[in-house]
Amino acid sequence: DESDVKALWKLLAHPLLMFVMMDPPCGTCSRARERALPGVPGGGPPPLRSDEHPEGLPDLRERLPREFARVTAANSIYKVCAAVATFLIVNNIAWAIENPRNSLQWKLACIKIVIQNPAVGQVSFQHCMCDGKRNKWTTLLFFPLGLFDSVHRVCDGSHSHEPWGRSSTGTFATSLETVYPQALCDSIRDCLSLKLRLT
């Protein structure tokens, strides 16, 4: 909403602002939509974007008008995130943008411009190494360089993973992995604490 965006920019102008975490919704950009789920009518949620059309499939408005509205709204959020990231770089304020590593969000033109900035870093990690239940890969795009490098984690095979697909309650397992595990929160906190002590 336009009023929400105005409120956001007011918050960003606060003189004591030191860090901004952005976690835009990944549902419309999810690669999980590309895989049919056995036993689910229609194979599950349909793809809404592709590598060739990351902003949304060309026939989406006519074929899936409700999903087209979701994609349009999500695109607006991604553009705001990109604008905020650019603003924060200019003002030397730390930030991070999170999404699954294979999310089509990273293919969006507005986000790619941010990725190409030489002052921006990127790190990927698996949730199972941060107290998560599944081997979900997540990427953090961040500023300044080095801020979250130590968050990098790769599964060491020392544990089992809960399955993907539908859970016993009928919800999709991807939605169960949206909450940050405590160990991940602790890692993010530690990285920020170190940066704040050094500045």
C-alpha atoms as a PDB file:
ATOM      1  CA  ASP A   1       0.000   0.000   0.000  1.00  0.00           C
ATOM      2  CA  GLU A   2       1.182   3.499  -0.772  1.00  0.00           C
ATOM      3  CA  SER A   3       0.594   4.557   2.838  1.00  0.00           C
ATOM      4  CA  ASP A   4       2.784   1.684   4.054  1.00  0.00           C
ATOM      5  CA  VAL A   5       5.576   2.720   1.701  1.00  0.00           C
ATOM      6  CA  LYS A   6       5.395   6.308   2.974  1.00  0.00           C
ATOM      7  CA  ALA A   7       5.578   5.046   6.550  1.00  0.00           C
ATOM      8  CA  LEU A   8       8.580   2.897   5.640  1.00  0.00           C
ATOM      9  CA  TRP A   9      10.506   5.831   4.169  1.00  0.00           C
ATOM     10  CA  LYS A  10       9.844   7.828   7.347  1.00  0.00           C
ATOM     11  CA  LEU A  11      11.352   5.001   9.401  1.00  0.00           C
ATOM     12  CA  LEU A  12      14.364   4.870   7.089  1.00  0.00           C
ATOM     13  CA  ALA A  13      15.033   8.553   7.755  1.00  0.00           C
ATOM     14  CA  HIS A  14      15.517   7.939  11.497  1.00  0.00           C
ATOM     15  CA  PRO A  15      18.948   9.293  12.530  1.00  0.00           C
ATOM     16  CA  LEU A  16      19.723   6.248  14.727  1.00  0.00           C
ATOM     17  CA  LEU A  17      18.960   3.624  12.058  1.00  0.00           C
ATOM     18  CA  MET A  18      21.826   1.109  11.829  1.00  0.00           C
ATOM     19  CA  PHE A  19      20.414  -1.980  10.081  1.00  0.00           C
ATOM     20  CA  VAL A  20      17.438  -3.041   7.955  1.00  0.00           C
ATOM     21  CA  MET A  21      16.377  -6.666   7.396  1.00  0.00           C
ATOM     22  CA  MET A  22      14.173  -7.327   4.368  1.00  0.00           C
ATOM     23  CA  ASP A  23      12.373 -10.654   3.991  1.00  0.00           C
ATOM     24  CA  PRO A  24      10.044 -10.211   1.008  1.00  0.00           C
ATOM     25  CA  PRO A  25       7.427 -12.938   0.393  1.00  0.00           C
ATOM     26  CA  CYS A  26       8.821 -15.753  -1.737  1.00  0.00           C
ATOM     27  CA  GLY A  27       5.581 -17.600  -2.570  1.00  0.00           C
ATOM     28  CA  THR A  28       5.165 -16.331  -6.130  1.00  0.00           C
ATOM     29  CA  CYS A  29       8.903 -16.794  -6.825  1.00  0.00           C
ATOM     30  CA  SER A  30       9.124 -20.319  -5.438  1.00  0.00           C
ATOM     31  CA  ARG A  31      10.751 -23.019  -7.566  1.00  0.00           C
ATOM     32  CA  ALA A  32       8.624 -25.539  -5.661  1.00  0.00           C
ATOM     33  CA  ARG A  33       5.788 -24.488  -7.966  1.00  0.00           C
ATOM     34  CA  GLU A  34       7.680 -26.070 -10.860  1.00  0.00           C
ATOM     35  CA  ARG A  35       7.400 -29.559  -9.305  1.00  0.00           C
ATOM     36  CA  ALA A  36       4.110 -31.446  -9.398  1.00  0.00           C
ATOM     37  CA  LEU A  37       3.075 -32.945  -6.068  1.00  0.00           C
ATOM     38  CA  PRO A  38       1.726 -36.497  -6.195  1.00  0.00           C
ATOM     39  CA  GLY A  39      -1.788 -36.872  -4.834  1.00  0.00           C
ATOM     40  CA  VAL A  40      -2.500 -33.126  -4.973  1.00  0.00           C
ATOM     41  CA  PRO A  41      -5.267 -32.001  -7.383  1.00  0.00           C
ATOM     42  CA  GLY A  42      -3.694 -30.245 -10.352  1.00  0.00           C
ATOM     43  CA  GLY A  43      -0.238 -31.153  -9.050  1.00  0.00           C
ATOM     44  CA  GLY A  44      -0.200 -28.301  -6.518  1.00  0.00           C
ATOM     45  CA  PRO A  45       0.306 -24.545  -6.917  1.00  0.00           C
ATOM     46  CA  PRO A  46       1.084 -23.636 -10.557  1.00  0.00           C
ATOM     47  CA  PRO A  47       4.244 -21.779 -11.681  1.00  0.00           C
ATOM     48  CA  LEU A  48       3.717 -18.018 -11.872  1.00  0.00           C
ATOM     49  CA  ARG A  49       7.174 -16.993 -13.113  1.00  0.00           C
ATOM     50  CA  SER A  50      10.058 -18.515 -15.044  1.00  0.00           C
ATOM     51  CA  ASP A  51      13.729 -17.823 -15.770  1.00  0.00           C
ATOM     52  CA  GLU A  52      12.642 -16.240 -19.047  1.00  0.00           C
ATOM     53  CA  HIS A  53       9.807 -14.277 -17.395  1.00  0.00           C
ATOM     54  CA  PRO A  54      10.812 -13.587 -13.767  1.00  0.00           C
ATOM     55  CA  GLU A  55       8.375 -10.662 -13.520  1.00  0.00           C
ATOM     56  CA  GLY A  56       5.462 -13.041 -14.255  1.00  0.00           C
ATOM     57  CA  LEU A  57       4.353 -15.390 -17.026  1.00  0.00           C
ATOM     58  CA  PRO A  58       2.971 -13.481 -20.056  1.00  0.00           C
ATOM     59  CA  ASP A  59      -0.470 -15.129 -19.956  1.00  0.00           C
ATOM     60  CA  LEU A  60      -0.932 -14.868 -16.202  1.00  0.00           C
ATOM     61  CA  ARG A  61      -3.501 -12.043 -16.266  1.00  0.00           C
ATOM     62  CA  GLU A  62      -5.879 -14.007 -18.502  1.00  0.00           C
ATOM     63  CA  ARG A  63      -5.210 -17.517 -17.193  1.00  0.00           C
ATOM     64  CA  LEU A  64      -4.899 -16.894 -13.448  1.00  0.00           C
ATOM     65  CA  PRO A  65      -6.184 -13.383 -12.629  1.00  0.00           C
ATOM     66  CA  ARG A  66      -5.991 -13.846  -8.842  1.00  0.00           C
ATOM     67  CA  GLU A  67      -2.411 -15.064  -9.054  1.00  0.00           C
ATOM     68  CA  PHE A  68      -1.608 -12.196 -11.430  1.00  0.00           C
ATOM     69  CA  ALA A  69      -2.695  -9.791  -8.680  1.00  0.00           C
ATOM     70  CA  ARG A  70      -0.405 -11.600  -6.200  1.00  0.00           C
ATOM     71  CA  VAL A  71       2.543 -11.407  -8.594  1.00  0.00           C
ATOM     72  CA  THR A  72       1.908  -7.716  -9.245  1.00  0.00           C
ATOM     73  CA  ALA A  73       1.776  -6.985  -5.510  1.00  0.00           C
ATOM     74  CA  ALA A  74       4.948  -9.026  -4.887  1.00  0.00           C
ATOM     75  CA  ASN A  75       6.756  -7.182  -7.694  1.00  0.00           C
ATOM     76  CA  SER A  76       5.893  -3.890  -6.003  1.00  0.00           C
ATOM     77  CA  ILE A  77       7.440  -5.149  -2.763  1.00  0.00           C
ATOM     78  CA  TYR A  78      10.615  -6.302  -4.558  1.00  0.00           C
ATOM     79  CA  LYS A  79      10.976  -2.887  -6.200  1.00  0.00           C
ATOM     80  CA  VAL A  80      10.634  -1.183  -2.814  1.00  0.00           C
ATOM     81  CA  CYS A  81      13.282  -3.515  -1.364  1.00  0.00           C
ATOM     82  CA  ALA A  82      15.662  -2.669  -4.213  1.00  0.00           C
ATOM     83  CA  ALA A  83      15.041   1.057  -3.768  1.00  0.00           C
ATOM     84  CA  VAL A  84      15.579   0.781  -0.005  1.00  0.00           C
ATOM     85  CA  ALA A  85      18.823  -1.173  -0.489  1.00  0.00           C
ATOM     86  CA  THR A  86      20.145   1.475  -2.878  1.00  0.00           C
ATOM     87  CA  PHE A  87      19.178   4.276  -0.490  1.00  0.00           C
ATOM     88  CA  LEU A  88      20.866   2.522   2.433  1.00  0.00           C
ATOM     89  CA  ILE A  89      24.092   1.982   0.465  1.00  0.00           C
ATOM     90  CA  VAL A  90      24.255   5.698  -0.313  1.00  0.00           C
ATOM     91  CA  ASN A  91      23.729   6.439   3.384  1.00  0.00           C
ATOM     92  CA  ASN A  92      26.161   3.730   4.557  1.00  0.00           C
ATOM     93  CA  ILE A  93      23.542   1.829   6.571  1.00  0.00           C
ATOM     94  CA  ALA A  94      23.766  -1.971   6.774  1.00  0.00           C
ATOM     95  CA  TRP A  95      20.999  -4.134   5.339  1.00  0.00           C
ATOM     96  CA  ALA A  96      20.136  -7.643   4.178  1.00  0.00           C
ATOM     97  CA  ILE A  97      17.570  -9.145   1.796  1.00  0.00           C
ATOM     98  CA  GLU A  98      16.623 -12.804   2.334  1.00  0.00           C
ATOM     99  CA  ASN A  99      14.995 -15.385   0.051  1.00  0.00           C
ATOM    100  CA  PRO A 100      15.507 -19.037  -0.906  1.00  0.00           C
ATOM    101  CA  ARG A 101      18.737 -19.531  -2.862  1.00  0.00           C
ATOM    102  CA  ASN A 102      16.881 -20.700  -5.997  1.00  0.00           C
ATOM    103  CA  SER A 103      14.121 -18.083  -5.747  1.00  0.00           C
ATOM    104  CA  LEU A 104      13.197 -16.297  -8.949  1.00  0.00           C
ATOM    105  CA  GLN A 105      13.423 -13.092  -6.913  1.00  0.00           C
ATOM    106  CA  TRP A 106      17.147 -13.037  -7.685  1.00  0.00           C
ATOM    107  CA  LYS A 107      16.321 -12.916 -11.427  1.00  0.00           C
ATOM    108  CA  LEU A 108      14.228  -9.734 -11.186  1.00  0.00           C
ATOM    109  CA  ALA A 109      15.745  -6.739 -12.956  1.00  0.00           C
ATOM    110  CA  CYS A 110      15.471  -4.451  -9.906  1.00  0.00           C
ATOM    111  CA  ILE A 111      17.194  -7.001  -7.645  1.00  0.00           C
ATOM    112  CA  LYS A 112      19.887  -7.850 -10.221  1.00  0.00           C
ATOM    113  CA  ILE A 113      20.928  -4.185 -10.262  1.00  0.00           C
ATOM    114  CA  VAL A 114      21.491  -4.385  -6.496  1.00  0.00           C
ATOM    115  CA  ILE A 115      23.373  -7.702  -6.812  1.00  0.00           C
ATOM    116  CA  GLN A 116      25.742  -6.147  -9.369  1.00  0.00           C
ATOM    117  CA  ASN A 117      26.762  -3.363  -6.991  1.00  0.00           C
ATOM    118  CA  PRO A 118      30.409  -4.077  -5.984  1.00  0.00           C
ATOM    119  CA  ALA A 119      29.671  -2.992  -2.394  1.00  0.00           C
ATOM    120  CA  VAL A 120      27.075  -5.771  -1.963  1.00  0.00           C
ATOM    121  CA  GLY A 121      27.873  -9.253  -0.662  1.00  0.00           C
ATOM    122  CA  GLN A 122      26.026 -12.548  -0.826  1.00  0.00           C
ATOM    123  CA  VAL A 123      26.041 -15.706   1.304  1.00  0.00           C
ATOM    124  CA  SER A 124      24.070 -18.978   1.194  1.00  0.00           C
ATOM    125  CA  PHE A 125      23.421 -21.506   3.938  1.00  0.00           C
ATOM    126  CA  GLN A 126      21.335 -24.573   4.762  1.00  0.00           C
ATOM    127  CA  HIS A 127      18.768 -24.302   7.553  1.00  0.00           C
ATOM    128  CA  CYS A 128      19.516 -27.793   8.843  1.00  0.00           C
ATOM    129  CA  MET A 129      22.890 -26.457  10.018  1.00  0.00           C
ATOM    130  CA  CYS A 130      21.121 -23.663  11.930  1.00  0.00           C
ATOM    131  CA  ASP A 131      18.656 -25.839  13.907  1.00  0.00           C
ATOM    132  CA  GLY A 132      16.221 -26.105  10.969  1.00  0.00           C
ATOM    133  CA  LYS A 133      14.389 -29.351  10.227  1.00  0.00           C
ATOM    134  CA  ARG A 134      15.005 -29.432   6.474  1.00  0.00           C
ATOM    135  CA  ASN A 135      18.002 -28.884   4.194  1.00  0.00           C
ATOM    136  CA  LYS A 136      16.552 -25.655   2.806  1.00  0.00           C
ATOM    137  CA  TRP A 137      19.071 -23.391   1.055  1.00  0.00           C
ATOM    138  CA  THR A 138      18.653 -19.680   1.764  1.00  0.00           C
ATOM    139  CA  THR A 139      20.577 -16.690   0.420  1.00  0.00           C
ATOM    140  CA  LEU A 140      21.267 -13.371   2.106  1.00  0.00           C
ATOM    141  CA  LEU A 141      22.159 -10.405  -0.066  1.00  0.00           C
ATOM    142  CA  PHE A 142      23.760  -7.788   2.159  1.00  0.00           C
ATOM    143  CA  PHE A 143      25.684  -4.560   2.644  1.00  0.00           C
ATOM    144  CA  PRO A 144      28.457  -3.907   3.540  1.00  0.00           C
ATOM    145  CA  LEU A 145      30.775  -6.583   2.188  1.00  0.00           C
ATOM    146  CA  GLY A 146      31.714  -9.225   4.731  1.00  0.00           C
ATOM    147  CA  LEU A 147      28.803  -8.483   7.082  1.00  0.00           C
ATOM    148  CA  PHE A 148      27.260 -11.968   6.981  1.00  0.00           C
ATOM    149  CA  ASP A 149      30.065 -14.077   5.485  1.00  0.00           C
ATOM    150  CA  SER A 150      30.233 -16.253   8.620  1.00  0.00           C
ATOM    151  CA  VAL A 151      26.578 -17.290   8.265  1.00  0.00           C
ATOM    152  CA  HIS A 152      27.639 -19.674   5.461  1.00  0.00           C
ATOM    153  CA  ARG A 153      26.717 -23.265   6.379  1.00  0.00           C
ATOM    154  CA  VAL A 154      26.662 -26.479   4.297  1.00  0.00           C
ATOM    155  CA  CYS A 155      25.010 -29.676   5.513  1.00  0.00           C
ATOM    156  CA  ASP A 156      27.614 -32.029   6.997  1.00  0.00           C
ATOM    157  CA  GLY A 157      25.380 -35.115   6.725  1.00  0.00           C
ATOM    158  CA  SER A 158      25.391 -35.727  10.477  1.00  0.00           C
ATOM    159  CA  HIS A 159      21.597 -35.585  10.829  1.00  0.00           C
ATOM    160  CA  SER A 160      18.364 -36.533   9.045  1.00  0.00           C
ATOM    161  CA  HIS A 161      16.006 -34.119   7.307  1.00  0.00           C
ATOM    162  CA  GLU A 162      12.240 -33.941   7.459  1.00  0.00           C
ATOM    163  CA  PRO A 163      10.588 -34.451   4.041  1.00  0.00           C
ATOM    164  CA  TRP A 164       9.284 -31.800   1.650  1.00  0.00           C
ATOM    165  CA  GLY A 165       5.803 -31.923   0.068  1.00  0.00           C
ATOM    166  CA  ARG A 166       2.725 -31.809   2.291  1.00  0.00           C
ATOM    167  CA  SER A 167       2.972 -32.179   6.043  1.00  0.00           C
ATOM    168  CA  SER A 168       0.677 -34.395   8.132  1.00  0.00           C
ATOM    169  CA  THR A 169      -1.562 -31.357   8.745  1.00  0.00           C
ATOM    170  CA  GLY A 170      -2.002 -30.772   5.003  1.00  0.00           C
ATOM    171  CA  THR A 171       0.117 -27.617   4.806  1.00  0.00           C
ATOM    172  CA  PHE A 172       3.043 -27.390   2.410  1.00  0.00           C
ATOM    173  CA  ALA A 173       6.392 -28.085   4.052  1.00  0.00           C
ATOM    174  CA  THR A 174       7.863 -24.978   2.416  1.00  0.00           C
ATOM    175  CA  SER A 175       5.588 -22.826   4.609  1.00  0.00           C
ATOM    176  CA  LEU A 176       6.913 -24.593   7.715  1.00  0.00           C
ATOM    177  CA  GLU A 177      10.435 -23.409   6.897  1.00  0.00           C
ATOM    178  CA  THR A 178       9.675 -19.692   6.795  1.00  0.00           C
ATOM    179  CA  VAL A 179      10.461 -19.075  10.479  1.00  0.00           C
ATOM    180  CA  TYR A 180      14.151 -18.466  11.161  1.00  0.00           C
ATOM    181  CA  PRO A 181      15.626 -21.178  13.423  1.00  0.00           C
ATOM    182  CA  GLN A 182      17.076 -19.836  16.681  1.00  0.00           C
ATOM    183  CA  ALA A 183      20.670 -20.653  15.707  1.00  0.00           C
ATOM    184  CA  LEU A 184      20.258 -18.587  12.531  1.00  0.00           C
ATOM    185  CA  CYS A 185      18.878 -15.654  14.533  1.00  0.00           C
ATOM    186  CA  ASP A 186      21.859 -15.955  16.873  1.00  0.00           C
ATOM    187  CA  SER A 187      24.304 -15.924  13.935  1.00  0.00           C
ATOM    188  CA  ILE A 188      22.687 -12.830  12.416  1.00  0.00           C
ATOM    189  CA  ARG A 189      22.739 -11.115  15.826  1.00  0.00           C
ATOM    190  CA  ASP A 190      26.415 -11.969  16.360  1.00  0.00           C
ATOM    191  CA  CYS A 191      27.410 -10.625  12.933  1.00  0.00           C
ATOM    192  CA  LEU A 192      25.543  -7.382  13.577  1.00  0.00           C
ATOM    193  CA  SER A 193      26.965  -7.029  17.084  1.00  0.00           C
ATOM    194  CA  LEU A 194      30.492  -7.379  15.697  1.00  0.00           C
ATOM    195  CA  LYS A 195      29.845  -4.776  12.992  1.00  0.00           C
ATOM    196  CA  LEU A 196      28.314  -2.325  15.450  1.00  0.00           C
ATOM    197  CA  ARG A 197      31.310  -2.663  17.772  1.00  0.00           C
ATOM    198  CA  LEU A 198      33.664  -1.923  14.887  1.00  0.00           C
ATOM    199  CA  THR A 199      31.836   1.195  13.649  1.00  0.00           C
END
